[in-house]
Each structure stands twice: as C-alpha cells, then as structure tokens.
C-alpha atoms as a PDB file:
ATOM      1  CA  MET A   1      15.900   1.200 -21.162  1.00  0.00           C
ATOM      2  CA  GLY A   2      12.733   2.494 -19.243  1.00  0.00           C
ATOM      3  CA  PRO A   3       9.891   4.234 -18.913  1.00  0.00           C
ATOM      4  CA  LEU A   4       9.613  -0.315 -19.297  1.00  0.00           C
ATOM      5  CA  ILE A   5       5.640  -0.524 -20.736  1.00  0.00           C
ATOM      6  CA  PRO A   6       5.735   2.183 -23.276  1.00  0.00           C
ATOM      7  CA  ASN A   7       9.205   1.033 -24.546  1.00  0.00           C
ATOM      8  CA  GLY A   8       7.897  -2.717 -25.253  1.00  0.00           C
ATOM      9  CA  VAL A   9      10.236  -4.367 -21.843  1.00  0.00           C
ATOM     10  CA  ILE A  10       6.850  -5.577 -19.827  1.00  0.00           C
ATOM     11  CA  PRO A  11       4.223  -5.923 -22.148  1.00  0.00           C
ATOM     12  CA  TYR A  12       1.073  -3.124 -22.185  1.00  0.00           C
ATOM     13  CA  GLU A  13      -1.514  -5.914 -20.584  1.00  0.00           C
ATOM     14  CA  TRP A  14       0.371  -5.702 -17.635  1.00  0.00           C
ATOM     15  CA  ASN A  15      -0.134  -2.575 -17.045  1.00  0.00           C
ATOM     16  CA  ASN A  16      -2.820  -2.899 -15.452  1.00  0.00           C
ATOM     17  CA  ILE A  17      -2.195  -5.552 -12.922  1.00  0.00           C
ATOM     18  CA  ILE A  18       1.158  -3.577 -12.029  1.00  0.00           C
ATOM     19  CA  ALA A  19      -1.210  -0.924 -11.066  1.00  0.00           C
ATOM     20  CA  ILE A  20      -3.762  -2.963  -9.216  1.00  0.00           C
ATOM     21  CA  LEU A  21      -0.885  -4.848  -7.483  1.00  0.00           C
ATOM     22  CA  ILE A  22       1.100  -1.063  -7.322  1.00  0.00           C
ATOM     23  CA  GLY A  23      -2.109   0.225  -5.802  1.00  0.00           C
ATOM     24  CA  ILE A  24      -2.663  -2.555  -2.694  1.00  0.00           C
ATOM     25  CA  PHE A  25       1.313  -2.264  -1.573  1.00  0.00           C
ATOM     26  CA  PHE A  26       0.635   1.260  -1.253  1.00  0.00           C
ATOM     27  CA  GLY A  27      -2.672   0.509   0.746  1.00  0.00           C
ATOM     28  CA  PHE A  28      -0.733  -1.931   3.096  1.00  0.00           C
ATOM     29  CA  ILE A  29       1.819   0.389   3.649  1.00  0.00           C
ATOM     30  CA  LEU A  30      -0.838   3.243   4.136  1.00  0.00           C
ATOM     31  CA  GLU A  31      -2.083   1.199   7.234  1.00  0.00           C
ATOM     32  CA  ALA A  32       0.583   0.261   8.608  1.00  0.00           C
ATOM     33  CA  SER A  33       2.029   3.571   8.970  1.00  0.00           C
ATOM     34  CA  GLY A  34      -0.983   4.576  10.553  1.00  0.00           C
ATOM     35  CA  PHE A  35      -2.618   6.565   7.842  1.00  0.00           C
ATOM     36  CA  SER A  36      -5.617   5.474   8.158  1.00  0.00           C
ATOM     37  CA  SER A  37      -6.798   7.199  11.307  1.00  0.00           C
ATOM     38  CA  SER A  38      -7.993  10.342  10.462  1.00  0.00           C
ATOM     39  CA  ARG A  39      -6.330  12.202  14.383  1.00  0.00           C
ATOM     40  CA  LYS A  40      -3.599  11.010  13.141  1.00  0.00           C
ATOM     41  CA  LEU A  41      -4.213  13.136   9.221  1.00  0.00           C
ATOM     42  CA  ALA A  42      -5.662  15.898  10.314  1.00  0.00           C
ATOM     43  CA  GLY A  43      -2.481  16.525  13.306  1.00  0.00           C
ATOM     44  CA  VAL A  44      -0.450  18.960  10.172  1.00  0.00           C
ATOM     45  CA  PHE A  45      -3.362  21.206  10.134  1.00  0.00           C
ATOM     46  CA  TYR A  46      -3.861  21.167  14.157  1.00  0.00           C
ATOM     47  CA  GLY A  47       0.192  21.425  14.992  1.00  0.00           C
ATOM     48  CA  TYR A  48       0.443  17.596  16.819  1.00  0.00           C
ATOM     49  CA  ASP A  49       1.715  15.190  14.300  1.00  0.00           C
ATOM     50  CA  PHE A  50       3.927  16.348  11.099  1.00  0.00           C
ATOM     51  CA  ALA A  51       4.091  11.995   9.727  1.00  0.00           C
ATOM     52  CA  VAL A  52       2.061  12.695   6.681  1.00  0.00           C
ATOM     53  CA  LEU A  53       3.649  16.279   5.681  1.00  0.00           C
ATOM     54  CA  LYS A  54       7.617  13.838   6.785  1.00  0.00           C
ATOM     55  CA  VAL A  55       6.686  11.041   4.952  1.00  0.00           C
ATOM     56  CA  PHE A  56       4.729  12.502   1.307  1.00  0.00           C
ATOM     57  CA  PHE A  57       7.723  15.669   1.078  1.00  0.00           C
ATOM     58  CA  THR A  58      10.035  12.664   1.629  1.00  0.00           C
ATOM     59  CA  ALA A  59       8.738  10.669  -1.370  1.00  0.00           C
ATOM     60  CA  ALA A  60       8.370  12.899  -3.461  1.00  0.00           C
ATOM     61  CA  LEU A  61      12.353  13.516  -2.850  1.00  0.00           C
ATOM     62  CA  VAL A  62      12.485  10.240  -3.343  1.00  0.00           C
ATOM     63  CA  ALA A  63      10.832   9.778  -6.699  1.00  0.00           C
ATOM     64  CA  LEU A  64      12.757  13.292  -7.772  1.00  0.00           C
ATOM     65  CA  ILE A  65      16.034  12.716  -7.376  1.00  0.00           C
ATOM     66  CA  GLY A  66      15.534   8.477  -8.383  1.00  0.00           C
ATOM     67  CA  ILE A  67      14.254  10.019 -11.907  1.00  0.00           C
ATOM     68  CA  LEU A  68      16.667  12.451 -11.916  1.00  0.00           C
ATOM     69  CA  TYR A  69      19.804  10.143 -11.470  1.00  0.00           C
ATOM     70  CA  MET A  70      17.557   7.183 -13.537  1.00  0.00           C
ATOM     71  CA  ASP A  71      17.950   9.775 -16.583  1.00  0.00           C
ATOM     72  CA  TYR A  72      21.405  10.739 -15.458  1.00  0.00           C
ATOM     73  CA  LEU A  73      22.661   7.964 -15.907  1.00  0.00           C
ATOM     74  CA  GLY A  74      20.733   6.438 -19.105  1.00  0.00           C
ATOM     75  CA  TYR A  75      18.063   4.016 -17.021  1.00  0.00           C
ATOM     76  CA  LEU A  76      14.849   6.215 -18.135  1.00  0.00           C
ATOM     77  CA  ASN A  77      13.976   8.387 -20.148  1.00  0.00           C
ATOM     78  CA  MET A  78      12.092  11.111 -18.742  1.00  0.00           C
ATOM     79  CA  GLU A  79      10.869  12.667 -21.953  1.00  0.00           C
ATOM     80  CA  GLN A  80       9.028   8.870 -22.183  1.00  0.00           C
ATOM     81  CA  LEU A  81       6.775   9.551 -18.739  1.00  0.00           C
ATOM     82  CA  TYR A  82       3.643  10.232 -18.661  1.00  0.00           C
ATOM     83  CA  ILE A  83       3.209  14.375 -17.637  1.00  0.00           C
ATOM     84  CA  HIS A  84      -0.989  14.893 -16.759  1.00  0.00           C
ATOM     85  CA  PRO A  85      -2.328  18.105 -18.121  1.00  0.00           C
ATOM     86  CA  THR A  86      -3.137  20.735 -16.602  1.00  0.00           C
ATOM     87  CA  TYR A  87      -6.382  22.524 -15.872  1.00  0.00           C
ATOM     88  CA  LEU A  88      -5.624  25.688 -14.273  1.00  0.00           C
ATOM     89  CA  TRP A  89      -9.037  27.126 -12.734  1.00  0.00           C
ATOM     90  CA  GLY A  90      -9.995  22.565 -12.027  1.00  0.00           C
ATOM     91  CA  ALA A  91      -7.185  21.967 -10.749  1.00  0.00           C
ATOM     92  CA  ILE A  92      -7.268  25.439  -7.928  1.00  0.00           C
ATOM     93  CA  ILE A  93     -10.837  25.060  -7.298  1.00  0.00           C
ATOM     94  CA  GLY A  94     -10.445  20.653  -6.611  1.00  0.00           C
ATOM     95  CA  GLY A  95      -7.266  21.957  -3.989  1.00  0.00           C
ATOM     96  CA  VAL A  96      -9.932  24.073  -2.560  1.00  0.00           C
ATOM     97  CA  VAL A  97     -12.562  21.391  -2.222  1.00  0.00           C
ATOM     98  CA  MET A  98     -10.192  18.483  -1.386  1.00  0.00           C
ATOM     99  CA  GLY A  99      -8.128  20.393   0.876  1.00  0.00           C
ATOM    100  CA  VAL A 100     -11.367  21.855   2.761  1.00  0.00           C
ATOM    101  CA  GLY A 101     -12.598  18.237   2.755  1.00  0.00           C
ATOM    102  CA  PHE A 102      -9.097  17.215   4.113  1.00  0.00           C
ATOM    103  CA  VAL A 103      -9.958  19.300   7.137  1.00  0.00           C
ATOM    104  CA  ALA A 104     -13.482  18.766   7.280  1.00  0.00           C
ATOM    105  CA  ALA A 105     -12.819  15.033   7.974  1.00  0.00           C
ATOM    106  CA  GLY A 106      -8.826  14.558   8.395  1.00  0.00           C
ATOM    107  CA  PHE A 107      -8.825  12.446   5.078  1.00  0.00           C
ATOM    108  CA  CYS A 108      -7.680  12.886   1.563  1.00  0.00           C
ATOM    109  CA  PRO A 109     -10.210  10.027  -1.020  1.00  0.00           C
ATOM    110  CA  GLY A 110      -6.374   6.924  -0.436  1.00  0.00           C
ATOM    111  CA  THR A 111      -6.470   7.166   2.989  1.00  0.00           C
ATOM    112  CA  SER A 112      -9.726   6.968   3.096  1.00  0.00           C
ATOM    113  CA  LEU A 113     -10.193   4.729   1.272  1.00  0.00           C
ATOM    114  CA  CYS A 114      -7.632   2.694   2.961  1.00  0.00           C
ATOM    115  CA  ALA A 115      -9.775   3.664   6.278  1.00  0.00           C
ATOM    116  CA  VAL A 116     -12.567   1.878   4.664  1.00  0.00           C
ATOM    117  CA  ALA A 117     -10.541  -1.363   4.363  1.00  0.00           C
ATOM    118  CA  ILE A 118     -11.150  -1.771   7.807  1.00  0.00           C
ATOM    119  CA  GLY A 119     -14.246  -0.327   8.705  1.00  0.00           C
ATOM    120  CA  LYS A 120     -13.842   2.895   9.983  1.00  0.00           C
ATOM    121  CA  ILE A 121     -17.532   4.635  10.109  1.00  0.00           C
ATOM    122  CA  ASP A 122     -16.347   8.188   9.700  1.00  0.00           C
ATOM    123  CA  ALA A 123     -14.212   6.990   6.271  1.00  0.00           C
ATOM    124  CA  ILE A 124     -17.454   5.085   5.301  1.00  0.00           C
ATOM    125  CA  VAL A 125     -19.484   7.990   5.246  1.00  0.00           C
ATOM    126  CA  TYR A 126     -16.803  10.347   3.748  1.00  0.00           C
ATOM    127  CA  VAL A 127     -16.158   8.066   0.975  1.00  0.00           C
ATOM    128  CA  ILE A 128     -20.176   8.173   0.384  1.00  0.00           C
ATOM    129  CA  GLY A 129     -19.962  12.078  -0.011  1.00  0.00           C
ATOM    130  CA  ILE A 130     -17.045  12.007  -2.399  1.00  0.00           C
ATOM    131  CA  MET A 131     -19.302   9.522  -4.496  1.00  0.00           C
ATOM    132  CA  ALA A 132     -22.147  11.989  -4.099  1.00  0.00           C
ATOM    133  CA  GLY A 133     -19.921  14.665  -5.384  1.00  0.00           C
ATOM    134  CA  ILE A 134     -18.795  12.595  -8.028  1.00  0.00           C
ATOM    135  CA  PHE A 135     -22.417  11.709  -8.833  1.00  0.00           C
ATOM    136  CA  ILE A 136     -24.032  15.467  -9.077  1.00  0.00           C
ATOM    137  CA  PHE A 137     -20.276  16.174 -11.111  1.00  0.00           C
ATOM    138  CA  SER A 138     -20.785  14.050 -13.227  1.00  0.00           C
ATOM    139  CA  GLU A 139     -24.565  14.866 -13.492  1.00  0.00           C
ATOM    140  CA  LEU A 140     -24.167  18.539 -13.850  1.00  0.00           C
ATOM    141  CA  TYR A 141     -20.841  18.102 -16.075  1.00  0.00           C
ATOM    142  CA  THR A 142     -22.023  20.787 -18.801  1.00  0.00           C
ATOM    143  CA  LEU A 143     -22.621  23.163 -16.059  1.00  0.00           C
ATOM    144  CA  PHE A 144     -18.471  23.184 -15.029  1.00  0.00           C
ATOM    145  CA  GLU A 145     -17.139  22.388 -18.131  1.00  0.00           C
ATOM    146  CA  PRO A 146     -15.959  26.096 -19.367  1.00  0.00           C
ATOM    147  CA  ILE A 147     -14.508  25.226 -15.370  1.00  0.00           C
ATOM    148  CA  TYR A 148     -13.285  22.173 -15.987  1.00  0.00           C
ATOM    149  CA  ASN A 149     -11.549  23.144 -18.932  1.00  0.00           C
ATOM    150  CA  GLY A 150     -10.613  26.174 -18.391  1.00  0.00           C
ATOM    151  CA  TYR A 151      -7.080  27.963 -18.752  1.00  0.00           C
ATOM    152  CA  PHE A 152      -5.268  24.911 -20.330  1.00  0.00           C
ATOM    153  CA  GLU A 153      -1.523  24.805 -19.714  1.00  0.00           C
ATOM    154  CA  GLY A 154      -0.579  22.158 -21.866  1.00  0.00           C
ATOM    155  CA  ASN A 155       1.715  18.835 -20.230  1.00  0.00           C
ATOM    156  CA  ILE A 156       5.026  20.949 -17.592  1.00  0.00           C
ATOM    157  CA  THR A 157       5.549  20.781 -15.002  1.00  0.00           C
ATOM    158  CA  LEU A 158       6.896  22.718 -11.604  1.00  0.00           C
ATOM    159  CA  MET A 159       9.817  22.918 -13.047  1.00  0.00           C
ATOM    160  CA  ASP A 160       8.830  23.681 -16.723  1.00  0.00           C
ATOM    161  CA  SER A 161       6.418  26.018 -15.380  1.00  0.00           C
ATOM    162  CA  LEU A 162       8.920  28.262 -13.193  1.00  0.00           C
ATOM    163  CA  GLY A 163      11.649  28.213 -15.821  1.00  0.00           C
ATOM    164  CA  VAL A 164      13.983  26.286 -13.437  1.00  0.00           C
ATOM    165  CA  ASN A 165      16.758  23.711 -14.396  1.00  0.00           C
ATOM    166  CA  ARG A 166      15.665  20.171 -12.827  1.00  0.00           C
ATOM    167  CA  TYR A 167      18.928  19.758 -11.496  1.00  0.00           C
ATOM    168  CA  TRP A 168      18.234  22.672  -9.140  1.00  0.00           C
ATOM    169  CA  PHE A 169      15.225  22.518  -8.752  1.00  0.00           C
ATOM    170  CA  ALA A 170      15.555  19.211  -7.189  1.00  0.00           C
ATOM    171  CA  PHE A 171      18.293  21.154  -4.831  1.00  0.00           C
ATOM    172  CA  ILE A 172      15.603  23.597  -4.119  1.00  0.00           C
ATOM    173  CA  PHE A 173      13.091  21.319  -2.972  1.00  0.00           C
ATOM    174  CA  THR A 174      15.838  19.956  -0.600  1.00  0.00           C
ATOM    175  CA  ILE A 175      15.969  22.788   0.982  1.00  0.00           C
ATOM    176  CA  ILE A 176      12.963  23.323   0.913  1.00  0.00           C
ATOM    177  CA  ALA A 177      11.905  19.839   3.097  1.00  0.00           C
ATOM    178  CA  ILE A 178      14.256  20.067   5.620  1.00  0.00           C
ATOM    179  CA  VAL A 179      12.947  23.883   6.523  1.00  0.00           C
ATOM    180  CA  ALA A 180      10.092  22.190   6.635  1.00  0.00           C
ATOM    181  CA  PHE A 181      10.935  19.576   8.540  1.00  0.00           C
ATOM    182  CA  ALA A 182      12.427  21.406  11.118  1.00  0.00           C
ATOM    183  CA  ALA A 183       9.933  23.997  11.344  1.00  0.00           C
ATOM    184  CA  SER A 184       7.023  21.124  11.399  1.00  0.00           C
ATOM    185  CA  ASP A 185       9.140  19.932  14.353  1.00  0.00           C
ATOM    186  CA  MET A 186       9.882  23.475  16.708  1.00  0.00           C
ATOM    187  CA  ILE A 187       5.381  23.366  15.874  1.00  0.00           C
ATOM    188  CA  ARG A 188       5.286  20.351  17.075  1.00  0.00           C
ATOM    189  CA  LYS A 189       7.164  21.108  20.868  1.00  0.00           C
ATOM    190  CA  ARG A 190       5.076  24.713  21.334  1.00  0.00           C
ATOM    191  CA  VAL A 191       1.686  22.745  20.490  1.00  0.00           C
ATOM    192  CA  LYS A 192       2.312  19.779  22.664  1.00  0.00           C
ATOM    193  CA  LYS A 193       3.906  22.103  25.160  1.00  0.00           C
ATOM    194  CA  ILE A 194       0.135  23.919  25.461  1.00  0.00           C
ATOM    195  CA  PHE A 195      -1.728  20.834  25.117  1.00  0.00           C
ATOM    196  CA  TYR A 196       0.499  18.616  27.525  1.00  0.00           C
END
C-alpha cells in the first residue's frame, strides 16, 4: 500500500501541499515545545537541558520502529522509500559547519526559522547568516564542487553501511537511546548541583 504517493494512492499533485502542511504542523510543534528558544537548544551542549536530545531520539525511534512494523505487516514497502544519496565529504564538512553554528547560536536551521516566525532577533541574524552562506556557496560552487560531490557512497542507510540486520539495528538503537537518556539525566543533575 505505502508509500502513498509513489503507489498512486494519493495523487502526485498533492505532494507539495502535504509537505507544506507537515511543515506547518512541525513548526507549530517545535514552537509549542519551546524549541524556538536558543537557551533550550544550547542546553544540550552545556549540560543543563537535554529535552532536544530526548525529543529527537524518541522521534527517530518511533519513526524507525513504525516503519519496520508497517513494512512487516505489508502496509509499507521499505524498498520504495526515498533514501538521500550520501556524499561523504560534503556530509562531514556540512555537519561540522552546522555543528559549530548550532553551538555558537543555539539554533539549527529548522528551529531558527521557527524562532524567526515569532520575531526573535538572534534567530533573524542567524537566518541572515544562513542565507549569506548559501549565497557564497552558490557563487563559489565550481570551487566547492569536488568536495560537494566527492566520495559518493550511493543511496545507503546506516544499517547498510554497518552491515546490520534492520531489526537488530532497531534494538541496538533503542538500547543506545535508553543509555543516552540515563546518562543525560545524570549529567543534568550534576550540572544543576554545580550551578544552582
């Protein structure tokens, strides 16, 4: 049955409309959860608030387990799901640049747009920086192209690259999440004692 659009259950013309609706709901949920606050987001790096880690770990786990169950029950064909191609150097360098920006400003691209929507000045400055970076990258694309398209790995998943069975991967990922939740609570309690 699924994915719904590639299998014609939902007409292709609805693709962008559904994406816009999902984006609106995602932004609303981010704002309602307090993720438009740079202090809350930066709390992960300083050890006083791990809500972001817990929420995104939980979201990834729910999505992973849900997709595996839907595939197992025949409601979804995992082989038809789109997997973004992996260009290793571009992913590593882009991850480092985004990580530095995340620590420095307390926003990732999605949460910064959410914060812009409610008028936060620091987020507006951050988004202007993103746009400036995009402009510089596009103007110097020929210079960056060998890195951007370098070390192409194909359309692989983490399960493929590690060579682990998908169900074992879900189990191991769940254990990692539980350990991360426990460790983050211990760190938060220690940091709270030091600073409060």
